[in-house]
Amino acid sequence: MALFGSKEEKEAKAAAKAQADLEKLAAKYNLDLNAVDPASLSNLKNISSALAGTGFLSAGTALTVGNDQKAFNQIQSSYLQSIFEQNWMILRELQKLNQK
């Protein structure tokens, strides 16, 4: 019996958590994950993980006493990356609409 799980178990656990987070995000915004194309789904996963990380960073920044410019820049960068990903999703959807 090992004290820590194997690499495969850790990866499976991380994948299950990521999927649960994605489903939680989809439920929050009333998205049908089956209707989303694979490229947009990949973007959605990236957005979900980026925004989950910024939640912890912004909470930590709010609790610090001093001005933590580095943490603020990381949060800002994550939000901008999320907007970038969302724009690509929107462009793909507009392209599909235009082809119809």
PDB file of N, CA and C in Angstrom:
ATOM      1  N   MET A   1       0.835  -1.178   0.000  1.00  0.00           N
ATOM      2  CA  MET A   1       0.000   0.000   0.000  1.00  0.00           C
ATOM      3  C   MET A   1       0.878   1.238   0.000  1.00  0.00           C
ATOM      4  N   ALA A   2       0.672   2.097  -0.947  1.00  0.00           N
ATOM      5  CA  ALA A   2       1.467   3.311  -1.063  1.00  0.00           C
ATOM      6  C   ALA A   2       0.794   4.449  -0.298  1.00  0.00           C
ATOM      7  N   LEU A   3       1.625   5.335   0.210  1.00  0.00           N
ATOM      8  CA  LEU A   3       1.082   6.498   0.915  1.00  0.00           C
ATOM      9  C   LEU A   3       0.423   7.474  -0.048  1.00  0.00           C
ATOM     10  N   PHE A   4       0.992   7.586  -1.218  1.00  0.00           N
ATOM     11  CA  PHE A   4       0.476   8.514  -2.212  1.00  0.00           C
ATOM     12  C   PHE A   4       0.001   7.730  -3.420  1.00  0.00           C
ATOM     13  N   GLY A   5      -0.960   8.272  -4.135  1.00  0.00           N
ATOM     14  CA  GLY A   5      -1.491   7.604  -5.311  1.00  0.00           C
ATOM     15  C   GLY A   5      -0.480   7.608  -6.448  1.00  0.00           C
ATOM     16  N   SER A   6      -0.696   6.730  -7.388  1.00  0.00           N
ATOM     17  CA  SER A   6       0.184   6.668  -8.546  1.00  0.00           C
ATOM     18  C   SER A   6      -0.050   7.886  -9.439  1.00  0.00           C
ATOM     19  N   LYS A   7       0.828   8.041 -10.400  1.00  0.00           N
ATOM     20  CA  LYS A   7       0.726   9.173 -11.330  1.00  0.00           C
ATOM     21  C   LYS A   7      -0.585   9.111 -12.108  1.00  0.00           C
ATOM     22  N   GLU A   8      -0.979   7.910 -12.517  1.00  0.00           N
ATOM     23  CA  GLU A   8      -2.221   7.746 -13.274  1.00  0.00           C
ATOM     24  C   GLU A   8      -3.438   8.124 -12.433  1.00  0.00           C
ATOM     25  N   GLU A   9      -3.416   7.731 -11.151  1.00  0.00           N
ATOM     26  CA  GLU A   9      -4.531   8.064 -10.272  1.00  0.00           C
ATOM     27  C   GLU A   9      -4.634   9.573 -10.076  1.00  0.00           C
ATOM     28  N   LYS A  10      -3.492  10.242  -9.924  1.00  0.00           N
ATOM     29  CA  LYS A  10      -3.485  11.694  -9.757  1.00  0.00           C
ATOM     30  C   LYS A  10      -4.001  12.381 -11.009  1.00  0.00           C
ATOM     31  N   GLU A  11      -3.578  11.895 -12.183  1.00  0.00           N
ATOM     32  CA  GLU A  11      -4.042  12.473 -13.441  1.00  0.00           C
ATOM     33  C   GLU A  11      -5.537  12.262 -13.625  1.00  0.00           C
ATOM     34  N   ALA A  12      -6.019  11.067 -13.278  1.00  0.00           N
ATOM     35  CA  ALA A  12      -7.448  10.772 -13.391  1.00  0.00           C
ATOM     36  C   ALA A  12      -8.258  11.656 -12.444  1.00  0.00           C
ATOM     37  N   LYS A  13      -7.740  11.855 -11.242  1.00  0.00           N
ATOM     38  CA  LYS A  13      -8.425  12.698 -10.267  1.00  0.00           C
ATOM     39  C   LYS A  13      -8.462  14.147 -10.746  1.00  0.00           C
ATOM     40  N   ALA A  14      -7.357  14.625 -11.309  1.00  0.00           N
ATOM     41  CA  ALA A  14      -7.301  15.997 -11.832  1.00  0.00           C
ATOM     42  C   ALA A  14      -8.253  16.166 -13.010  1.00  0.00           C
ATOM     43  N   ALA A  15      -8.316  15.160 -13.889  1.00  0.00           N
ATOM     44  CA  ALA A  15      -9.213  15.217 -15.044  1.00  0.00           C
ATOM     45  C   ALA A  15     -10.676  15.220 -14.589  1.00  0.00           C
ATOM     46  N   ALA A  16     -10.987  14.412 -13.582  1.00  0.00           N
ATOM     47  CA  ALA A  16     -12.352  14.367 -13.068  1.00  0.00           C
ATOM     48  C   ALA A  16     -12.735  15.708 -12.436  1.00  0.00           C
ATOM     49  N   LYS A  17     -11.813  16.323 -11.728  1.00  0.00           N
ATOM     50  CA  LYS A  17     -12.078  17.629 -11.120  1.00  0.00           C
ATOM     51  C   LYS A  17     -12.274  18.692 -12.193  1.00  0.00           C
ATOM     52  N   ALA A  18     -11.445  18.651 -13.239  1.00  0.00           N
ATOM     53  CA  ALA A  18     -11.581  19.615 -14.333  1.00  0.00           C
ATOM     54  C   ALA A  18     -12.930  19.453 -15.034  1.00  0.00           C
ATOM     55  N   GLN A  19     -13.351  18.209 -15.239  1.00  0.00           N
ATOM     56  CA  GLN A  19     -14.641  17.936 -15.876  1.00  0.00           C
ATOM     57  C   GLN A  19     -15.782  18.424 -14.991  1.00  0.00           C
ATOM     58  N   ALA A  20     -15.668  18.200 -13.689  1.00  0.00           N
ATOM     59  CA  ALA A  20     -16.703  18.663 -12.768  1.00  0.00           C
ATOM     60  C   ALA A  20     -16.784  20.184 -12.765  1.00  0.00           C
ATOM     61  N   ASP A  21     -15.632  20.858 -12.801  1.00  0.00           N
ATOM     62  CA  ASP A  21     -15.612  22.322 -12.860  1.00  0.00           C
ATOM     63  C   ASP A  21     -16.252  22.824 -14.145  1.00  0.00           C
ATOM     64  N   LEU A  22     -15.966  22.135 -15.252  1.00  0.00           N
ATOM     65  CA  LEU A  22     -16.545  22.514 -16.537  1.00  0.00           C
ATOM     66  C   LEU A  22     -18.060  22.343 -16.523  1.00  0.00           C
ATOM     67  N   GLU A  23     -18.532  21.249 -15.967  1.00  0.00           N
ATOM     68  CA  GLU A  23     -19.973  21.011 -15.880  1.00  0.00           C
ATOM     69  C   GLU A  23     -20.651  22.036 -14.973  1.00  0.00           C
ATOM     70  N   LYS A  24     -19.952  22.424 -13.912  1.00  0.00           N
ATOM     71  CA  LYS A  24     -20.473  23.441 -13.001  1.00  0.00           C
ATOM     72  C   LYS A  24     -20.595  24.783 -13.727  1.00  0.00           C
ATOM     73  N   LEU A  25     -19.586  25.122 -14.517  1.00  0.00           N
ATOM     74  CA  LEU A  25     -19.608  26.354 -15.303  1.00  0.00           C
ATOM     75  C   LEU A  25     -20.740  26.308 -16.332  1.00  0.00           C
ATOM     76  N   ALA A  26     -20.903  25.161 -16.986  1.00  0.00           N
ATOM     77  CA  ALA A  26     -21.957  25.009 -17.994  1.00  0.00           C
ATOM     78  C   ALA A  26     -23.339  25.147 -17.348  1.00  0.00           C
ATOM     79  N   ALA A  27     -23.510  24.589 -16.176  1.00  0.00           N
ATOM     80  CA  ALA A  27     -24.795  24.706 -15.486  1.00  0.00           C
ATOM     81  C   ALA A  27     -25.054  26.149 -15.055  1.00  0.00           C
ATOM     82  N   LYS A  28     -24.014  26.825 -14.613  1.00  0.00           N
ATOM     83  CA  LYS A  28     -24.160  28.213 -14.163  1.00  0.00           C
ATOM     84  C   LYS A  28     -24.621  29.119 -15.291  1.00  0.00           C
ATOM     85  N   TYR A  29     -24.081  28.897 -16.506  1.00  0.00           N
ATOM     86  CA  TYR A  29     -24.407  29.756 -17.635  1.00  0.00           C
ATOM     87  C   TYR A  29     -25.371  29.104 -18.626  1.00  0.00           C
ATOM     88  N   ASN A  30     -25.989  27.998 -18.219  1.00  0.00           N
ATOM     89  CA  ASN A  30     -26.994  27.310 -19.022  1.00  0.00           C
ATOM     90  C   ASN A  30     -26.461  26.944 -20.412  1.00  0.00           C
ATOM     91  N   LEU A  31     -25.293  26.313 -20.444  1.00  0.00           N
ATOM     92  CA  LEU A  31     -24.686  25.869 -21.692  1.00  0.00           C
ATOM     93  C   LEU A  31     -24.909  24.381 -21.880  1.00  0.00           C
ATOM     94  N   ASP A  32     -25.136  23.973 -23.110  1.00  0.00           N
ATOM     95  CA  ASP A  32     -25.252  22.556 -23.440  1.00  0.00           C
ATOM     96  C   ASP A  32     -23.895  22.093 -23.966  1.00  0.00           C
ATOM     97  N   LEU A  33     -23.163  21.351 -23.155  1.00  0.00           N
ATOM     98  CA  LEU A  33     -21.816  20.924 -23.544  1.00  0.00           C
ATOM     99  C   LEU A  33     -21.828  19.987 -24.744  1.00  0.00           C
ATOM    100  N   ASN A  34     -22.948  19.294 -24.971  1.00  0.00           N
ATOM    101  CA  ASN A  34     -23.032  18.394 -26.123  1.00  0.00           C
ATOM    102  C   ASN A  34     -23.158  19.169 -27.429  1.00  0.00           C
ATOM    103  N   ALA A  35     -23.668  20.400 -27.364  1.00  0.00           N
ATOM    104  CA  ALA A  35     -23.857  21.204 -28.568  1.00  0.00           C
ATOM    105  C   ALA A  35     -22.633  22.042 -28.916  1.00  0.00           C
ATOM    106  N   VAL A  36     -21.670  22.110 -28.005  1.00  0.00           N
ATOM    107  CA  VAL A  36     -20.475  22.919 -28.234  1.00  0.00           C
ATOM    108  C   VAL A  36     -19.472  22.117 -29.055  1.00  0.00           C
ATOM    109  N   ASP A  37     -18.914  22.755 -30.094  1.00  0.00           N
ATOM    110  CA  ASP A  37     -17.946  22.034 -30.916  1.00  0.00           C
ATOM    111  C   ASP A  37     -16.638  21.822 -30.129  1.00  0.00           C
ATOM    112  N   PRO A  38     -15.847  20.825 -30.522  1.00  0.00           N
ATOM    113  CA  PRO A  38     -14.639  20.474 -29.754  1.00  0.00           C
ATOM    114  C   PRO A  38     -13.633  21.615 -29.587  1.00  0.00           C
ATOM    115  N   ALA A  39     -13.483  22.460 -30.603  1.00  0.00           N
ATOM    116  CA  ALA A  39     -12.538  23.577 -30.488  1.00  0.00           C
ATOM    117  C   ALA A  39     -13.017  24.572 -29.436  1.00  0.00           C
ATOM    118  N   SER A  40     -14.298  24.864 -29.435  1.00  0.00           N
ATOM    119  CA  SER A  40     -14.852  25.784 -28.437  1.00  0.00           C
ATOM    120  C   SER A  40     -14.822  25.164 -27.052  1.00  0.00           C
ATOM    121  N   LEU A  41     -15.011  23.866 -26.984  1.00  0.00           N
ATOM    122  CA  LEU A  41     -14.955  23.178 -25.699  1.00  0.00           C
ATOM    123  C   LEU A  41     -13.556  23.291 -25.094  1.00  0.00           C
ATOM    124  N   SER A  42     -12.541  23.182 -25.935  1.00  0.00           N
ATOM    125  CA  SER A  42     -11.169  23.355 -25.468  1.00  0.00           C
ATOM    126  C   SER A  42     -10.963  24.765 -24.925  1.00  0.00           C
ATOM    127  N   ASN A  43     -11.474  25.770 -25.642  1.00  0.00           N
ATOM    128  CA  ASN A  43     -11.385  27.145 -25.159  1.00  0.00           C
ATOM    129  C   ASN A  43     -12.131  27.322 -23.844  1.00  0.00           C
ATOM    130  N   LEU A  44     -13.288  26.698 -23.755  1.00  0.00           N
ATOM    131  CA  LEU A  44     -14.087  26.798 -22.546  1.00  0.00           C
ATOM    132  C   LEU A  44     -13.358  26.195 -21.349  1.00  0.00           C
ATOM    133  N   LYS A  45     -12.672  25.086 -21.569  1.00  0.00           N
ATOM    134  CA  LYS A  45     -11.884  24.472 -20.489  1.00  0.00           C
ATOM    135  C   LYS A  45     -10.756  25.396 -20.054  1.00  0.00           C
ATOM    136  N   ASN A  46     -10.091  26.026 -21.018  1.00  0.00           N
ATOM    137  CA  ASN A  46      -9.011  26.958 -20.683  1.00  0.00           C
ATOM    138  C   ASN A  46      -9.534  28.145 -19.889  1.00  0.00           C
ATOM    139  N   ILE A  47     -10.671  28.666 -20.303  1.00  0.00           N
ATOM    140  CA  ILE A  47     -11.275  29.800 -19.604  1.00  0.00           C
ATOM    141  C   ILE A  47     -11.653  29.406 -18.184  1.00  0.00           C
ATOM    142  N   SER A  48     -12.263  28.244 -18.061  1.00  0.00           N
ATOM    143  CA  SER A  48     -12.692  27.770 -16.753  1.00  0.00           C
ATOM    144  C   SER A  48     -11.512  27.622 -15.800  1.00  0.00           C
ATOM    145  N   SER A  49     -10.431  27.018 -16.279  1.00  0.00           N
ATOM    146  CA  SER A  49      -9.275  26.824 -15.400  1.00  0.00           C
ATOM    147  C   SER A  49      -8.587  28.142 -15.082  1.00  0.00           C
ATOM    148  N   ALA A  50      -8.538  29.062 -16.047  1.00  0.00           N
ATOM    149  CA  ALA A  50      -7.909  30.363 -15.797  1.00  0.00           C
ATOM    150  C   ALA A  50      -8.701  31.165 -14.777  1.00  0.00           C
ATOM    151  N   LEU A  51     -10.015  31.173 -14.923  1.00  0.00           N
ATOM    152  CA  LEU A  51     -10.834  31.944 -13.995  1.00  0.00           C
ATOM    153  C   LEU A  51     -10.877  31.313 -12.607  1.00  0.00           C
ATOM    154  N   ALA A  52     -10.790  29.992 -12.536  1.00  0.00           N
ATOM    155  CA  ALA A  52     -10.741  29.339 -11.226  1.00  0.00           C
ATOM    156  C   ALA A  52      -9.469  29.748 -10.495  1.00  0.00           C
ATOM    157  N   GLY A  53      -8.375  29.829 -11.215  1.00  0.00           N
ATOM    158  CA  GLY A  53      -7.109  30.234 -10.610  1.00  0.00           C
ATOM    159  C   GLY A  53      -7.117  31.676 -10.161  1.00  0.00           C
ATOM    160  N   THR A  54      -7.759  32.553 -10.916  1.00  0.00           N
ATOM    161  CA  THR A  54      -7.778  33.963 -10.543  1.00  0.00           C
ATOM    162  C   THR A  54      -8.642  34.199  -9.316  1.00  0.00           C
ATOM    163  N   GLY A  55      -9.614  33.339  -9.094  1.00  0.00           N
ATOM    164  CA  GLY A  55     -10.437  33.484  -7.895  1.00  0.00           C
ATOM    165  C   GLY A  55      -9.597  33.348  -6.642  1.00  0.00           C
ATOM    166  N   PHE A  56      -8.693  32.378  -6.641  1.00  0.00           N
ATOM    167  CA  PHE A  56      -7.810  32.197  -5.497  1.00  0.00           C
ATOM    168  C   PHE A  56      -6.823  33.350  -5.385  1.00  0.00           C
ATOM    169  N   LEU A  57      -6.303  33.805  -6.528  1.00  0.00           N
ATOM    170  CA  LEU A  57      -5.346  34.906  -6.507  1.00  0.00           C
ATOM    171  C   LEU A  57      -5.983  36.194  -6.009  1.00  0.00           C
ATOM    172  N   SER A  58      -7.192  36.492  -6.492  1.00  0.00           N
ATOM    173  CA  SER A  58      -7.818  37.744  -6.081  1.00  0.00           C
ATOM    174  C   SER A  58      -8.201  37.703  -4.605  1.00  0.00           C
ATOM    175  N   ALA A  59      -8.613  36.546  -4.108  1.00  0.00           N
ATOM    176  CA  ALA A  59      -8.930  36.430  -2.682  1.00  0.00           C
ATOM    177  C   ALA A  59      -7.667  36.626  -1.851  1.00  0.00           C
ATOM    178  N   GLY A  60      -6.583  36.045  -2.297  1.00  0.00           N
ATOM    179  CA  GLY A  60      -5.317  36.211  -1.581  1.00  0.00           C
ATOM    180  C   GLY A  60      -4.816  37.635  -1.632  1.00  0.00           C
ATOM    181  N   THR A  61      -5.001  38.300  -2.751  1.00  0.00           N
ATOM    182  CA  THR A  61      -4.574  39.685  -2.893  1.00  0.00           C
ATOM    183  C   THR A  61      -5.402  40.594  -1.992  1.00  0.00           C
ATOM    184  N   ALA A  62      -6.689  40.306  -1.868  1.00  0.00           N
ATOM    185  CA  ALA A  62      -7.546  41.123  -1.017  1.00  0.00           C
ATOM    186  C   ALA A  62      -7.154  40.998   0.451  1.00  0.00           C
ATOM    187  N   LEU A  63      -6.611  39.849   0.827  1.00  0.00           N
ATOM    188  CA  LEU A  63      -6.248  39.631   2.221  1.00  0.00           C
ATOM    189  C   LEU A  63      -4.873  40.189   2.577  1.00  0.00           C
ATOM    190  N   THR A  64      -4.047  40.484   1.589  1.00  0.00           N
ATOM    191  CA  THR A  64      -2.726  41.011   1.885  1.00  0.00           C
ATOM    192  C   THR A  64      -2.827  42.473   2.268  1.00  0.00           C
ATOM    193  N   VAL A  65      -1.899  42.890   3.086  1.00  0.00           N
ATOM    194  CA  VAL A  65      -1.924  44.251   3.605  1.00  0.00           C
ATOM    195  C   VAL A  65      -1.340  45.244   2.607  1.00  0.00           C
ATOM    196  N   GLY A  66      -0.221  44.891   1.985  1.00  0.00           N
ATOM    197  CA  GLY A  66       0.470  45.811   1.097  1.00  0.00           C
ATOM    198  C   GLY A  66      -0.060  45.770  -0.316  1.00  0.00           C
ATOM    199  N   ASN A  67       0.545  46.571  -1.161  1.00  0.00           N
ATOM    200  CA  ASN A  67       0.222  46.569  -2.582  1.00  0.00           C
ATOM    201  C   ASN A  67       1.015  45.469  -3.249  1.00  0.00           C
ATOM    202  N   ASP A  68       0.345  44.449  -3.729  1.00  0.00           N
ATOM    203  CA  ASP A  68       1.034  43.336  -4.381  1.00  0.00           C
ATOM    204  C   ASP A  68       0.817  43.464  -5.885  1.00  0.00           C
ATOM    205  N   GLN A  69       1.666  44.258  -6.522  1.00  0.00           N
ATOM    206  CA  GLN A  69       1.520  44.556  -7.947  1.00  0.00           C
ATOM    207  C   GLN A  69       1.698  43.318  -8.814  1.00  0.00           C
ATOM    208  N   LYS A  70       2.593  42.418  -8.408  1.00  0.00           N
ATOM    209  CA  LYS A  70       2.837  41.216  -9.209  1.00  0.00           C
ATOM    210  C   LYS A  70       1.583  40.336  -9.267  1.00  0.00           C
ATOM    211  N   ALA A  71       0.937  40.138  -8.132  1.00  0.00           N
ATOM    212  CA  ALA A  71      -0.289  39.327  -8.098  1.00  0.00           C
ATOM    213  C   ALA A  71      -1.397  40.002  -8.900  1.00  0.00           C
ATOM    214  N   PHE A  72      -1.494  41.327  -8.773  1.00  0.00           N
ATOM    215  CA  PHE A  72      -2.498  42.068  -9.537  1.00  0.00           C
ATOM    216  C   PHE A  72      -2.268  41.897 -11.032  1.00  0.00           C
ATOM    217  N   ASN A  73      -1.022  41.964 -11.462  1.00  0.00           N
ATOM    218  CA  ASN A  73      -0.694  41.790 -12.883  1.00  0.00           C
ATOM    219  C   ASN A  73      -1.034  40.384 -13.363  1.00  0.00           C
ATOM    220  N   GLN A  74      -0.828  39.379 -12.508  1.00  0.00           N
ATOM    221  CA  GLN A  74      -1.176  37.998 -12.875  1.00  0.00           C
ATOM    222  C   GLN A  74      -2.687  37.850 -13.049  1.00  0.00           C
ATOM    223  N   ILE A  75      -3.440  38.446 -12.144  1.00  0.00           N
ATOM    224  CA  ILE A  75      -4.904  38.383 -12.233  1.00  0.00           C
ATOM    225  C   ILE A  75      -5.378  39.064 -13.510  1.00  0.00           C
ATOM    226  N   GLN A  76      -4.841  40.238 -13.758  1.00  0.00           N
ATOM    227  CA  GLN A  76      -5.221  40.991 -14.949  1.00  0.00           C
ATOM    228  C   GLN A  76      -4.872  40.221 -16.217  1.00  0.00           C
ATOM    229  N   SER A  77      -3.711  39.615 -16.239  1.00  0.00           N
ATOM    230  CA  SER A  77      -3.283  38.829 -17.390  1.00  0.00           C
ATOM    231  C   SER A  77      -4.199  37.621 -17.620  1.00  0.00           C
ATOM    232  N   SER A  78      -4.610  36.974 -16.542  1.00  0.00           N
ATOM    233  CA  SER A  78      -5.515  35.823 -16.663  1.00  0.00           C
ATOM    234  C   SER A  78      -6.866  36.235 -17.217  1.00  0.00           C
ATOM    235  N   TYR A  79      -7.378  37.363 -16.755  1.00  0.00           N
ATOM    236  CA  TYR A  79      -8.652  37.850 -17.274  1.00  0.00           C
ATOM    237  C   TYR A  79      -8.541  38.202 -18.754  1.00  0.00           C
ATOM    238  N   LEU A  80      -7.455  38.836 -19.144  1.00  0.00           N
ATOM    239  CA  LEU A  80      -7.267  39.184 -20.549  1.00  0.00           C
ATOM    240  C   LEU A  80      -7.146  37.935 -21.412  1.00  0.00           C
ATOM    241  N   GLN A  81      -6.461  36.911 -20.913  1.00  0.00           N
ATOM    242  CA  GLN A  81      -6.344  35.653 -21.640  1.00  0.00           C
ATOM    243  C   GLN A  81      -7.721  35.005 -21.807  1.00  0.00           C
ATOM    244  N   SER A  82      -8.540  35.087 -20.779  1.00  0.00           N
ATOM    245  CA  SER A  82      -9.897  34.532 -20.857  1.00  0.00           C
ATOM    246  C   SER A  82     -10.730  35.256 -21.909  1.00  0.00           C
ATOM    247  N   ILE A  83     -10.600  36.565 -21.963  1.00  0.00           N
ATOM    248  CA  ILE A  83     -11.323  37.339 -22.979  1.00  0.00           C
ATOM    249  C   ILE A  83     -10.844  36.965 -24.371  1.00  0.00           C
ATOM    250  N   PHE A  84      -9.548  36.768 -24.518  1.00  0.00           N
ATOM    251  CA  PHE A  84      -8.975  36.345 -25.792  1.00  0.00           C
ATOM    252  C   PHE A  84      -9.570  35.008 -26.237  1.00  0.00           C
ATOM    253  N   GLU A  85      -9.632  34.061 -25.323  1.00  0.00           N
ATOM    254  CA  GLU A  85     -10.211  32.742 -25.618  1.00  0.00           C
ATOM    255  C   GLU A  85     -11.693  32.875 -25.986  1.00  0.00           C
ATOM    256  N   GLN A  86     -12.416  33.708 -25.258  1.00  0.00           N
ATOM    257  CA  GLN A  86     -13.838  33.901 -25.543  1.00  0.00           C
ATOM    258  C   GLN A  86     -14.045  34.501 -26.923  1.00  0.00           C
ATOM    259  N   ASN A  87     -13.189  35.415 -27.312  1.00  0.00           N
ATOM    260  CA  ASN A  87     -13.314  36.024 -28.636  1.00  0.00           C
ATOM    261  C   ASN A  87     -13.181  34.981 -29.741  1.00  0.00           C
ATOM    262  N   TRP A  88     -12.279  34.035 -29.589  1.00  0.00           N
ATOM    263  CA  TRP A  88     -12.137  32.984 -30.602  1.00  0.00           C
ATOM    264  C   TRP A  88     -13.378  32.109 -30.657  1.00  0.00           C
ATOM    265  N   MET A  89     -13.964  31.836 -29.499  1.00  0.00           N
ATOM    266  CA  MET A  89     -15.204  31.061 -29.482  1.00  0.00           C
ATOM    267  C   MET A  89     -16.307  31.815 -30.225  1.00  0.00           C
ATOM    268  N   ILE A  90     -16.420  33.093 -29.968  1.00  0.00           N
ATOM    269  CA  ILE A  90     -17.447  33.915 -30.615  1.00  0.00           C
ATOM    270  C   ILE A  90     -17.227  33.965 -32.124  1.00  0.00           C
ATOM    271  N   LEU A  91     -15.984  34.128 -32.545  1.00  0.00           N
ATOM    272  CA  LEU A  91     -15.687  34.155 -33.975  1.00  0.00           C
ATOM    273  C   LEU A  91     -16.078  32.851 -34.661  1.00  0.00           C
ATOM    274  N   ARG A  92     -15.797  31.716 -34.021  1.00  0.00           N
ATOM    275  CA  ARG A  92     -16.184  30.424 -34.608  1.00  0.00           C
ATOM    276  C   ARG A  92     -17.700  30.306 -34.730  1.00  0.00           C
ATOM    277  N   GLU A  93     -18.409  30.737 -33.688  1.00  0.00           N
ATOM    278  CA  GLU A  93     -19.867  30.656 -33.723  1.00  0.00           C
ATOM    279  C   GLU A  93     -20.444  31.581 -34.792  1.00  0.00           C
ATOM    280  N   LEU A  94     -19.870  32.773 -34.926  1.00  0.00           N
ATOM    281  CA  LEU A  94     -20.337  33.685 -35.968  1.00  0.00           C
ATOM    282  C   LEU A  94     -20.061  33.127 -37.362  1.00  0.00           C
ATOM    283  N   GLN A  95     -18.942  32.461 -37.521  1.00  0.00           N
ATOM    284  CA  GLN A  95     -18.619  31.843 -38.800  1.00  0.00           C
ATOM    285  C   GLN A  95     -19.630  30.747 -39.135  1.00  0.00           C
ATOM    286  N   LYS A  96     -20.010  29.945 -38.140  1.00  0.00           N
ATOM    287  CA  LYS A  96     -21.012  28.910 -38.375  1.00  0.00           C
ATOM    288  C   LYS A  96     -22.358  29.521 -38.761  1.00  0.00           C
ATOM    289  N   LEU A  97     -22.739  30.602 -38.082  1.00  0.00           N
ATOM    290  CA  LEU A  97     -23.986  31.270 -38.410  1.00  0.00           C
ATOM    291  C   LEU A  97     -23.962  31.843 -39.817  1.00  0.00           C
ATOM    292  N   ASN A  98     -22.832  32.414 -40.185  1.00  0.00           N
ATOM    293  CA  ASN A  98     -22.693  33.014 -41.499  1.00  0.00           C
ATOM    294  C   ASN A  98     -22.764  31.949 -42.605  1.00  0.00           C
ATOM    295  N   GLN A  99     -22.255  30.757 -42.357  1.00  0.00           N
ATOM    296  CA  GLN A  99     -22.295  29.696 -43.360  1.00  0.00           C
ATOM    297  C   GLN A  99     -23.709  29.172 -43.547  1.00  0.00           C
ATOM    298  N   LYS A 100     -24.539  29.258 -42.536  1.00  0.00           N
ATOM    299  CA  LYS A 100     -25.928  28.796 -42.644  1.00  0.00           C
ATOM    300  C   LYS A 100     -26.738  29.796 -43.431  1.00  0.00           C
TER     301      LYS A 100
END
